């Protein structure tokens, strides 16, 4: 916990420094969120989710500006309008949550993508490009999971829950593709809108630290 708090403080300090010399609207929004630490973008997403009264997973310009204001993002209306237009890739007059994520999430470096794919290949024992329960046997030890130890879950149920954390809420089929696995780390896990930004890569600003974290987590 202490390491996470220290990392969040460092991220906030770095974001504030970069914000002072940044003019790009998308990058300014990203940095304003990161001044709140690794959960900053997730927090903005929660604000937008509250704005989505009809649950259609989209926002119009008025809702977008109100969401920014409610979250405390400092931005003139003209800048917010220009920002909205950048997110509205299809020109529909609304922002789809996925459009928003794709644009706002920080891009992953080549080095990060390589180590994520190394972890994927380790889990994908059959080499067919999809991780399933069968792939996890002998790779992921379910017996240390507390719900397995207290008898609440079987080994297969632990495996399935593990896979579901990487999977789409609309298609939890017990299979995780390369794209879904990569999206989990890049910031677009489809668990629930903007628990998305558990986006592990987005919360770690050092390639070296991210790669070390991945190697330790997956024993690569």
C-alpha atoms as a PDB file:
ATOM      1  CA  UNK A   1       0.000   0.000   0.000  1.00  0.00           C
ATOM      2  CA  UNK A   2       2.844   2.386   0.836  1.00  0.00           C
ATOM      3  CA  UNK A   3       4.426   1.787  -2.560  1.00  0.00           C
ATOM      4  CA  UNK A   4       1.127   2.418  -4.326  1.00  0.00           C
ATOM      5  CA  UNK A   5       0.583   5.669  -2.423  1.00  0.00           C
ATOM      6  CA  UNK A   6       4.122   6.822  -3.215  1.00  0.00           C
ATOM      7  CA  UNK A   7       3.650   5.964  -6.877  1.00  0.00           C
ATOM      8  CA  UNK A   8       0.375   7.916  -6.971  1.00  0.00           C
ATOM      9  CA  UNK A   9       2.060  10.969  -5.424  1.00  0.00           C
ATOM     10  CA  UNK A  10       4.876  10.810  -7.970  1.00  0.00           C
ATOM     11  CA  UNK A  11       2.356  10.442 -10.799  1.00  0.00           C
ATOM     12  CA  UNK A  12       0.383  13.463  -9.577  1.00  0.00           C
ATOM     13  CA  UNK A  13       3.520  15.605  -9.303  1.00  0.00           C
ATOM     14  CA  UNK A  14       4.732  14.623 -12.786  1.00  0.00           C
ATOM     15  CA  UNK A  15       1.289  15.245 -14.296  1.00  0.00           C
ATOM     16  CA  UNK A  16       1.133  18.738 -12.778  1.00  0.00           C
ATOM     17  CA  UNK A  17       4.571  19.577 -14.186  1.00  0.00           C
ATOM     18  CA  UNK A  18       3.626  18.374 -17.669  1.00  0.00           C
ATOM     19  CA  UNK A  19       0.256  20.140 -17.546  1.00  0.00           C
ATOM     20  CA  UNK A  20       1.924  23.546 -17.251  1.00  0.00           C
ATOM     21  CA  UNK A  21       3.468  23.245 -20.710  1.00  0.00           C
ATOM     22  CA  UNK A  22       0.758  21.224 -22.470  1.00  0.00           C
ATOM     23  CA  UNK A  23      -1.597  22.702 -25.074  1.00  0.00           C
ATOM     24  CA  UNK A  24      -3.217  19.599 -26.619  1.00  0.00           C
ATOM     25  CA  UNK A  25      -6.824  19.311 -25.288  1.00  0.00           C
ATOM     26  CA  UNK A  26      -6.842  15.506 -24.985  1.00  0.00           C
ATOM     27  CA  UNK A  27      -3.467  15.415 -23.274  1.00  0.00           C
ATOM     28  CA  UNK A  28      -4.527  18.226 -20.932  1.00  0.00           C
ATOM     29  CA  UNK A  29      -7.619  16.259 -19.885  1.00  0.00           C
ATOM     30  CA  UNK A  30      -5.535  13.120 -19.403  1.00  0.00           C
ATOM     31  CA  UNK A  31      -3.002  15.012 -17.273  1.00  0.00           C
ATOM     32  CA  UNK A  32      -5.704  16.724 -15.193  1.00  0.00           C
ATOM     33  CA  UNK A  33      -7.054  13.290 -14.369  1.00  0.00           C
ATOM     34  CA  UNK A  34      -3.602  11.898 -13.555  1.00  0.00           C
ATOM     35  CA  UNK A  35      -2.944  14.760 -11.116  1.00  0.00           C
ATOM     36  CA  UNK A  36      -5.354  12.765  -8.944  1.00  0.00           C
ATOM     37  CA  UNK A  37      -3.240   9.641  -9.216  1.00  0.00           C
ATOM     38  CA  UNK A  38      -3.818   6.322 -10.945  1.00  0.00           C
ATOM     39  CA  UNK A  39      -7.565   6.368 -10.208  1.00  0.00           C
ATOM     40  CA  UNK A  40      -8.092   9.814 -11.762  1.00  0.00           C
ATOM     41  CA  UNK A  41      -9.394   8.660 -15.135  1.00  0.00           C
ATOM     42  CA  UNK A  42     -11.508   6.020 -13.439  1.00  0.00           C
ATOM     43  CA  UNK A  43     -13.063   8.769 -11.308  1.00  0.00           C
ATOM     44  CA  UNK A  44     -13.909  10.856 -14.356  1.00  0.00           C
ATOM     45  CA  UNK A  45     -15.506   7.796 -15.896  1.00  0.00           C
ATOM     46  CA  UNK A  46     -17.691   7.295 -12.839  1.00  0.00           C
ATOM     47  CA  UNK A  47     -18.833  10.903 -13.115  1.00  0.00           C
ATOM     48  CA  UNK A  48     -19.775  10.364 -16.753  1.00  0.00           C
ATOM     49  CA  UNK A  49     -21.571   7.147 -15.874  1.00  0.00           C
ATOM     50  CA  UNK A  50     -23.721   9.057 -13.381  1.00  0.00           C
ATOM     51  CA  UNK A  51     -24.532  11.532 -16.165  1.00  0.00           C
ATOM     52  CA  UNK A  52     -25.797   8.694 -18.383  1.00  0.00           C
ATOM     53  CA  UNK A  53     -29.389   8.808 -17.131  1.00  0.00           C
ATOM     54  CA  UNK A  54     -30.842   6.604 -19.873  1.00  0.00           C
ATOM     55  CA  UNK A  55     -28.001   4.052 -19.681  1.00  0.00           C
ATOM     56  CA  UNK A  56     -27.323   4.222 -23.422  1.00  0.00           C
ATOM     57  CA  UNK A  57     -23.556   4.398 -22.797  1.00  0.00           C
ATOM     58  CA  UNK A  58     -23.202   7.756 -24.543  1.00  0.00           C
ATOM     59  CA  UNK A  59     -23.105  11.470 -23.704  1.00  0.00           C
ATOM     60  CA  UNK A  60     -24.038  14.578 -25.660  1.00  0.00           C
ATOM     61  CA  UNK A  61     -22.066  17.834 -25.509  1.00  0.00           C
ATOM     62  CA  UNK A  62     -24.128  19.323 -22.672  1.00  0.00           C
ATOM     63  CA  UNK A  63     -23.715  16.212 -20.538  1.00  0.00           C
ATOM     64  CA  UNK A  64     -20.018  16.064 -21.374  1.00  0.00           C
ATOM     65  CA  UNK A  65     -19.365  19.648 -20.246  1.00  0.00           C
ATOM     66  CA  UNK A  66     -21.412  19.171 -17.072  1.00  0.00           C
ATOM     67  CA  UNK A  67     -19.486  15.974 -16.300  1.00  0.00           C
ATOM     68  CA  UNK A  68     -16.163  17.796 -16.640  1.00  0.00           C
ATOM     69  CA  UNK A  69     -17.388  20.595 -14.369  1.00  0.00           C
ATOM     70  CA  UNK A  70     -18.761  18.177 -11.782  1.00  0.00           C
ATOM     71  CA  UNK A  71     -15.431  16.368 -11.654  1.00  0.00           C
ATOM     72  CA  UNK A  72     -13.564  19.646 -11.253  1.00  0.00           C
ATOM     73  CA  UNK A  73     -11.755  19.681 -14.600  1.00  0.00           C
ATOM     74  CA  UNK A  74     -10.635  23.245 -15.352  1.00  0.00           C
ATOM     75  CA  UNK A  75     -11.530  23.925 -18.974  1.00  0.00           C
ATOM     76  CA  UNK A  76     -13.130  26.732 -20.968  1.00  0.00           C
ATOM     77  CA  UNK A  77     -16.326  25.902 -22.850  1.00  0.00           C
ATOM     78  CA  UNK A  78     -14.615  26.411 -26.231  1.00  0.00           C
ATOM     79  CA  UNK A  79     -11.828  23.992 -25.294  1.00  0.00           C
ATOM     80  CA  UNK A  80     -14.339  21.463 -23.953  1.00  0.00           C
ATOM     81  CA  UNK A  81     -16.309  21.684 -27.211  1.00  0.00           C
ATOM     82  CA  UNK A  82     -13.163  21.095 -29.272  1.00  0.00           C
ATOM     83  CA  UNK A  83     -12.301  18.178 -27.015  1.00  0.00           C
ATOM     84  CA  UNK A  84     -15.774  16.700 -27.439  1.00  0.00           C
ATOM     85  CA  UNK A  85     -15.411  16.861 -31.206  1.00  0.00           C
ATOM     86  CA  UNK A  86     -12.140  14.932 -31.002  1.00  0.00           C
ATOM     87  CA  UNK A  87     -13.825  12.180 -29.011  1.00  0.00           C
ATOM     88  CA  UNK A  88     -16.867  12.139 -31.316  1.00  0.00           C
ATOM     89  CA  UNK A  89     -15.075  10.235 -34.065  1.00  0.00           C
ATOM     90  CA  UNK A  90     -18.190   9.329 -36.056  1.00  0.00           C
ATOM     91  CA  UNK A  91     -19.687  12.862 -35.903  1.00  0.00           C
ATOM     92  CA  UNK A  92     -22.902  11.594 -34.303  1.00  0.00           C
ATOM     93  CA  UNK A  93     -23.152  14.444 -31.785  1.00  0.00           C
ATOM     94  CA  UNK A  94     -22.636  12.042 -28.908  1.00  0.00           C
ATOM     95  CA  UNK A  95     -19.619  10.398 -27.313  1.00  0.00           C
ATOM     96  CA  UNK A  96     -19.674   6.666 -27.014  1.00  0.00           C
ATOM     97  CA  UNK A  97     -17.932   5.471 -23.859  1.00  0.00           C
ATOM     98  CA  UNK A  98     -15.646   3.269 -25.941  1.00  0.00           C
ATOM     99  CA  UNK A  99     -14.756   6.211 -28.226  1.00  0.00           C
ATOM    100  CA  UNK A 100     -13.879   8.168 -25.111  1.00  0.00           C
ATOM    101  CA  UNK A 101     -11.647   5.403 -23.746  1.00  0.00           C
ATOM    102  CA  UNK A 102      -9.814   4.729 -26.977  1.00  0.00           C
ATOM    103  CA  UNK A 103      -8.898   8.401 -27.285  1.00  0.00           C
ATOM    104  CA  UNK A 104      -8.108   9.152 -23.646  1.00  0.00           C
ATOM    105  CA  UNK A 105      -6.105   6.104 -22.604  1.00  0.00           C
ATOM    106  CA  UNK A 106      -2.333   6.602 -22.801  1.00  0.00           C
ATOM    107  CA  UNK A 107      -0.790   4.473 -25.569  1.00  0.00           C
ATOM    108  CA  UNK A 108       1.260   1.454 -24.533  1.00  0.00           C
ATOM    109  CA  UNK A 109       4.897   1.352 -25.594  1.00  0.00           C
ATOM    110  CA  UNK A 110       6.257  -1.475 -27.712  1.00  0.00           C
ATOM    111  CA  UNK A 111       8.193  -2.802 -24.695  1.00  0.00           C
ATOM    112  CA  UNK A 112       5.009  -3.007 -22.616  1.00  0.00           C
ATOM    113  CA  UNK A 113       3.077  -4.746 -25.361  1.00  0.00           C
ATOM    114  CA  UNK A 114       5.856  -7.297 -25.707  1.00  0.00           C
ATOM    115  CA  UNK A 115       5.841  -8.261 -22.023  1.00  0.00           C
ATOM    116  CA  UNK A 116       2.013  -8.439 -21.958  1.00  0.00           C
ATOM    117  CA  UNK A 117       2.101 -10.805 -24.926  1.00  0.00           C
ATOM    118  CA  UNK A 118       4.803 -12.847 -23.198  1.00  0.00           C
ATOM    119  CA  UNK A 119       2.433 -13.299 -20.245  1.00  0.00           C
ATOM    120  CA  UNK A 120      -0.425 -14.182 -22.601  1.00  0.00           C
ATOM    121  CA  UNK A 121       1.630 -16.840 -24.355  1.00  0.00           C
ATOM    122  CA  UNK A 122       2.579 -18.358 -20.991  1.00  0.00           C
ATOM    123  CA  UNK A 123      -1.092 -18.693 -20.049  1.00  0.00           C
ATOM    124  CA  UNK A 124      -2.132 -19.902 -23.512  1.00  0.00           C
ATOM    125  CA  UNK A 125      -0.642 -23.383 -23.146  1.00  0.00           C
ATOM    126  CA  UNK A 126      -2.354 -24.730 -26.267  1.00  0.00           C
ATOM    127  CA  UNK A 127      -1.071 -21.848 -28.382  1.00  0.00           C
ATOM    128  CA  UNK A 128      -4.411 -21.339 -30.106  1.00  0.00           C
ATOM    129  CA  UNK A 129      -4.630 -17.601 -29.284  1.00  0.00           C
ATOM    130  CA  UNK A 130      -7.318 -18.017 -26.620  1.00  0.00           C
ATOM    131  CA  UNK A 131      -6.933 -18.607 -22.865  1.00  0.00           C
ATOM    132  CA  UNK A 132      -9.455 -21.082 -21.394  1.00  0.00           C
ATOM    133  CA  UNK A 133      -9.902 -22.924 -18.102  1.00  0.00           C
ATOM    134  CA  UNK A 134      -7.926 -25.848 -19.489  1.00  0.00           C
ATOM    135  CA  UNK A 135      -5.003 -23.550 -20.312  1.00  0.00           C
ATOM    136  CA  UNK A 136      -4.866 -22.352 -16.711  1.00  0.00           C
ATOM    137  CA  UNK A 137      -4.398 -25.791 -15.189  1.00  0.00           C
ATOM    138  CA  UNK A 138      -0.818 -26.053 -13.995  1.00  0.00           C
ATOM    139  CA  UNK A 139      -0.166 -22.368 -14.715  1.00  0.00           C
ATOM    140  CA  UNK A 140      -2.475 -20.574 -12.277  1.00  0.00           C
ATOM    141  CA  UNK A 141      -2.722 -22.118  -8.803  1.00  0.00           C
ATOM    142  CA  UNK A 142      -6.340 -21.868  -7.662  1.00  0.00           C
ATOM    143  CA  UNK A 143      -5.704 -23.599  -4.330  1.00  0.00           C
ATOM    144  CA  UNK A 144      -4.431 -20.411  -2.699  1.00  0.00           C
ATOM    145  CA  UNK A 145      -7.657 -18.554  -3.469  1.00  0.00           C
ATOM    146  CA  UNK A 146      -9.568 -17.928  -0.192  1.00  0.00           C
ATOM    147  CA  UNK A 147     -12.893 -19.048  -1.659  1.00  0.00           C
ATOM    148  CA  UNK A 148     -11.323 -22.338  -2.740  1.00  0.00           C
ATOM    149  CA  UNK A 149      -9.776 -22.799   0.685  1.00  0.00           C
ATOM    150  CA  UNK A 150     -13.066 -22.268   2.515  1.00  0.00           C
ATOM    151  CA  UNK A 151     -14.913 -24.614   0.154  1.00  0.00           C
ATOM    152  CA  UNK A 152     -17.129 -21.944  -1.403  1.00  0.00           C
ATOM    153  CA  UNK A 153     -15.689 -22.368  -4.924  1.00  0.00           C
ATOM    154  CA  UNK A 154     -14.329 -25.285  -6.877  1.00  0.00           C
ATOM    155  CA  UNK A 155     -11.013 -25.036  -8.708  1.00  0.00           C
ATOM    156  CA  UNK A 156     -12.860 -24.511 -12.004  1.00  0.00           C
ATOM    157  CA  UNK A 157     -14.937 -21.703 -10.482  1.00  0.00           C
ATOM    158  CA  UNK A 158     -11.734 -19.925  -9.405  1.00  0.00           C
ATOM    159  CA  UNK A 159     -10.351 -20.314 -12.938  1.00  0.00           C
ATOM    160  CA  UNK A 160     -13.562 -19.009 -14.497  1.00  0.00           C
ATOM    161  CA  UNK A 161     -13.675 -15.971 -12.203  1.00  0.00           C
ATOM    162  CA  UNK A 162     -10.058 -15.243 -13.077  1.00  0.00           C
ATOM    163  CA  UNK A 163     -10.889 -15.345 -16.799  1.00  0.00           C
ATOM    164  CA  UNK A 164     -14.004 -13.203 -16.318  1.00  0.00           C
ATOM    165  CA  UNK A 165     -11.868 -10.351 -14.959  1.00  0.00           C
ATOM    166  CA  UNK A 166     -10.309 -10.027 -18.434  1.00  0.00           C
ATOM    167  CA  UNK A 167     -13.500 -10.706 -20.375  1.00  0.00           C
ATOM    168  CA  UNK A 168     -16.328  -8.525 -21.701  1.00  0.00           C
ATOM    169  CA  UNK A 169     -19.463  -8.215 -19.505  1.00  0.00           C
ATOM    170  CA  UNK A 170     -21.543  -8.790 -22.622  1.00  0.00           C
ATOM    171  CA  UNK A 171     -19.719 -11.916 -23.687  1.00  0.00           C
ATOM    172  CA  UNK A 172     -18.387 -13.761 -20.654  1.00  0.00           C
ATOM    173  CA  UNK A 173     -17.722 -17.006 -22.457  1.00  0.00           C
ATOM    174  CA  UNK A 174     -14.819 -18.341 -20.412  1.00  0.00           C
ATOM    175  CA  UNK A 175     -12.378 -17.441 -23.170  1.00  0.00           C
ATOM    176  CA  UNK A 176      -9.878 -14.582 -23.224  1.00  0.00           C
ATOM    177  CA  UNK A 177      -8.436 -13.459 -26.550  1.00  0.00           C
ATOM    178  CA  UNK A 178      -5.153 -11.646 -27.105  1.00  0.00           C
ATOM    179  CA  UNK A 179      -7.084  -8.412 -27.661  1.00  0.00           C
ATOM    180  CA  UNK A 180      -9.018  -8.745 -24.388  1.00  0.00           C
ATOM    181  CA  UNK A 181      -5.848  -9.531 -22.455  1.00  0.00           C
ATOM    182  CA  UNK A 182      -4.034  -6.549 -23.980  1.00  0.00           C
ATOM    183  CA  UNK A 183      -7.028  -4.279 -23.339  1.00  0.00           C
ATOM    184  CA  UNK A 184      -6.997  -5.232 -19.660  1.00  0.00           C
ATOM    185  CA  UNK A 185      -3.490  -3.846 -19.280  1.00  0.00           C
ATOM    186  CA  UNK A 186      -3.886  -0.893 -21.642  1.00  0.00           C
ATOM    187  CA  UNK A 187      -6.973   0.396 -19.828  1.00  0.00           C
ATOM    188  CA  UNK A 188     -10.005  -0.997 -21.588  1.00  0.00           C
ATOM    189  CA  UNK A 189     -11.073  -3.971 -19.539  1.00  0.00           C
ATOM    190  CA  UNK A 190     -14.720  -4.557 -20.252  1.00  0.00           C
ATOM    191  CA  UNK A 191     -15.571  -5.479 -16.673  1.00  0.00           C
ATOM    192  CA  UNK A 192     -17.817  -2.464 -16.094  1.00  0.00           C
ATOM    193  CA  UNK A 193     -17.551   0.988 -17.557  1.00  0.00           C
ATOM    194  CA  UNK A 194     -14.444   2.513 -16.087  1.00  0.00           C
ATOM    195  CA  UNK A 195     -13.495  -0.137 -13.705  1.00  0.00           C
ATOM    196  CA  UNK A 196     -11.939  -0.120 -17.180  1.00  0.00           C
ATOM    197  CA  UNK A 197      -9.301   2.175 -15.882  1.00  0.00           C
ATOM    198  CA  UNK A 198      -7.935  -0.429 -13.640  1.00  0.00           C
ATOM    199  CA  UNK A 199      -5.865  -0.053 -16.844  1.00  0.00           C
ATOM    200  CA  UNK A 200      -2.658  -1.185 -15.239  1.00  0.00           C
ATOM    201  CA  UNK A 201      -0.415   0.356 -17.884  1.00  0.00           C
ATOM    202  CA  UNK A 202      -2.154   3.733 -17.614  1.00  0.00           C
ATOM    203  CA  UNK A 203      -1.389   3.927 -13.890  1.00  0.00           C
ATOM    204  CA  UNK A 204       2.339   3.182 -14.260  1.00  0.00           C
ATOM    205  CA  UNK A 205       4.426   5.851 -15.956  1.00  0.00           C
ATOM    206  CA  UNK A 206       7.717   3.917 -16.046  1.00  0.00           C
ATOM    207  CA  UNK A 207       8.272   1.197 -18.654  1.00  0.00           C
ATOM    208  CA  UNK A 208      10.912  -0.391 -16.436  1.00  0.00           C
ATOM    209  CA  UNK A 209       8.546  -0.566 -13.447  1.00  0.00           C
ATOM    210  CA  UNK A 210       5.667  -1.916 -15.562  1.00  0.00           C
ATOM    211  CA  UNK A 211       7.847  -4.644 -17.089  1.00  0.00           C
ATOM    212  CA  UNK A 212       9.207  -5.589 -13.656  1.00  0.00           C
ATOM    213  CA  UNK A 213       5.653  -5.755 -12.285  1.00  0.00           C
ATOM    214  CA  UNK A 214       4.553  -8.023 -15.150  1.00  0.00           C
ATOM    215  CA  UNK A 215       7.564 -10.319 -14.808  1.00  0.00           C
ATOM    216  CA  UNK A 216       7.025 -10.681 -11.080  1.00  0.00           C
ATOM    217  CA  UNK A 217       3.263 -11.187 -11.407  1.00  0.00           C
ATOM    218  CA  UNK A 218       3.523 -13.876 -14.086  1.00  0.00           C
ATOM    219  CA  UNK A 219       6.968 -15.265 -13.202  1.00  0.00           C
ATOM    220  CA  UNK A 220       8.274 -14.597 -16.676  1.00  0.00           C
END
